[in-house]
Amino acid sequence: MTTAGGTHNGLSYTYVDAPTITSLTPTAGPTSGGTAGTITGANLTTIQSVSFGGAPVPFDAISDTTISAVTPPGTAGAADVVVTTTGGSVTAAGAFTYTAGPGI
């Protein structure tokens, strides 16, 4: 379509806000992984991936503000949690701590 204001190709656009992370529950779990938890934030509806310490994890988008995820095995210490949506990525630096079990 062409108007006095210019040419438009007829495509429509949807703008998606960047995601945010406001909390993670629980914030710690064993190095063996398998800890089920909740990530709370905003703009999470278009979620594409979640990772803990760089490892992708299974997730479920519960709502625009809540994701459930299960941690993979990891190395003892703090791990970054990254959520990627259509609107971009957000990192919660050191938000989850892997704890080593007691030695035998």
Protein backbone atom coordinates (compact mmCIF):
# COMPACT_ATOMS: atom_id res chain seq x y z
CA MET A 1 0.00 0.00 0.00
CA THR A 2 1.32 3.47 -0.87
CA THR A 3 0.14 6.68 0.79
CA ALA A 4 1.36 10.24 1.01
CA GLY A 5 3.26 9.14 4.14
CA GLY A 6 5.16 6.39 2.33
CA THR A 7 4.95 2.73 1.43
CA HIS A 8 3.79 -0.08 3.70
CA ASN A 9 4.40 -3.71 2.78
CA GLY A 10 1.36 -5.05 4.67
CA LEU A 11 3.31 -6.95 7.33
CA SER A 12 2.22 -6.63 10.94
CA TYR A 13 4.59 -6.64 13.89
CA THR A 14 4.23 -7.75 17.47
CA TYR A 15 6.57 -6.17 19.98
CA VAL A 16 7.66 -8.42 22.84
CA ASP A 17 9.14 -6.98 26.04
CA ALA A 18 12.41 -8.36 27.38
CA PRO A 19 12.08 -10.96 30.16
CA THR A 20 12.97 -10.34 33.80
CA ILE A 21 13.77 -12.67 36.69
CA THR A 22 12.72 -11.51 40.15
CA SER A 23 13.22 -14.69 42.18
CA LEU A 24 14.17 -18.34 42.10
CA THR A 25 12.82 -20.96 44.53
CA PRO A 26 14.66 -22.92 45.83
CA THR A 27 18.02 -21.20 45.47
CA ALA A 28 20.14 -24.29 46.17
CA GLY A 29 20.22 -28.01 45.47
CA PRO A 30 22.54 -31.00 45.09
CA THR A 31 25.23 -31.30 42.42
CA SER A 32 23.41 -34.40 41.16
CA GLY A 33 20.66 -32.14 39.77
CA GLY A 34 16.98 -32.98 39.69
CA THR A 35 15.85 -30.08 41.86
CA ALA A 36 12.41 -28.90 40.75
CA GLY A 37 11.92 -25.19 41.18
CA THR A 38 10.11 -22.03 40.18
CA ILE A 39 11.47 -19.01 38.37
CA THR A 40 9.38 -15.88 38.88
CA GLY A 41 9.63 -12.77 36.73
CA ALA A 42 7.84 -10.98 33.93
CA ASN A 43 7.34 -11.32 30.18
CA LEU A 44 7.93 -15.08 30.23
CA THR A 45 5.09 -16.23 27.95
CA THR A 46 7.27 -16.58 24.84
CA ILE A 47 9.96 -18.62 26.62
CA GLN A 48 12.33 -20.52 24.36
CA SER A 49 14.92 -21.90 26.79
CA VAL A 50 16.18 -22.03 30.37
CA SER A 51 19.70 -22.92 31.45
CA PHE A 52 21.50 -23.43 34.76
CA GLY A 53 25.26 -22.99 34.64
CA GLY A 54 25.12 -23.09 30.83
CA ALA A 55 23.25 -26.41 30.64
CA PRO A 56 19.78 -26.37 29.07
CA VAL A 57 16.99 -27.72 31.29
CA PRO A 58 13.42 -28.94 30.85
CA PHE A 59 10.91 -26.21 31.67
CA ASP A 60 7.22 -25.42 31.64
CA ALA A 61 5.77 -21.93 31.18
CA ILE A 62 3.04 -21.73 33.82
CA SER A 63 2.11 -18.10 33.12
CA ASP A 64 3.63 -14.82 31.97
CA THR A 65 5.26 -14.54 35.42
CA THR A 66 6.11 -18.15 36.35
CA ILE A 67 8.25 -20.95 34.93
CA SER A 68 8.86 -24.37 36.45
CA ALA A 69 12.21 -26.00 35.70
CA VAL A 70 14.38 -28.92 36.85
CA THR A 71 18.10 -28.43 37.44
CA PRO A 72 20.70 -30.47 35.58
CA PRO A 73 23.75 -31.93 37.35
CA GLY A 74 26.31 -29.22 38.13
CA THR A 75 29.54 -28.38 39.87
CA ALA A 76 29.46 -27.24 43.51
CA GLY A 77 29.11 -23.47 43.73
CA ALA A 78 27.03 -20.66 42.27
CA ALA A 79 25.49 -21.04 38.81
CA ASP A 80 23.92 -18.46 36.54
CA VAL A 81 20.30 -18.97 35.51
CA VAL A 82 19.46 -17.75 32.00
CA VAL A 83 15.97 -17.42 30.56
CA THR A 84 15.56 -16.73 26.84
CA THR A 85 12.30 -15.57 25.27
CA THR A 86 11.31 -14.02 21.96
CA GLY A 87 12.01 -10.65 23.63
CA GLY A 88 15.62 -11.51 24.55
CA SER A 89 17.56 -13.11 27.39
CA VAL A 90 17.98 -12.34 31.06
CA THR A 91 20.67 -13.70 33.39
CA ALA A 92 20.32 -14.10 37.14
CA ALA A 93 24.03 -14.24 38.01
CA GLY A 94 24.86 -16.86 40.63
CA ALA A 95 21.14 -17.31 41.45
CA PHE A 96 21.37 -21.07 42.10
CA THR A 97 23.96 -22.77 44.31
CA TYR A 98 24.93 -26.37 43.77
CA THR A 99 25.85 -28.05 47.04
CA ALA A 100 28.03 -31.14 47.33
CA GLY A 101 26.74 -33.99 49.44
CA PRO A 102 28.63 -35.18 52.50
CA GLY A 103 31.67 -37.35 51.85
CA ILE A 104 31.77 -40.93 53.01
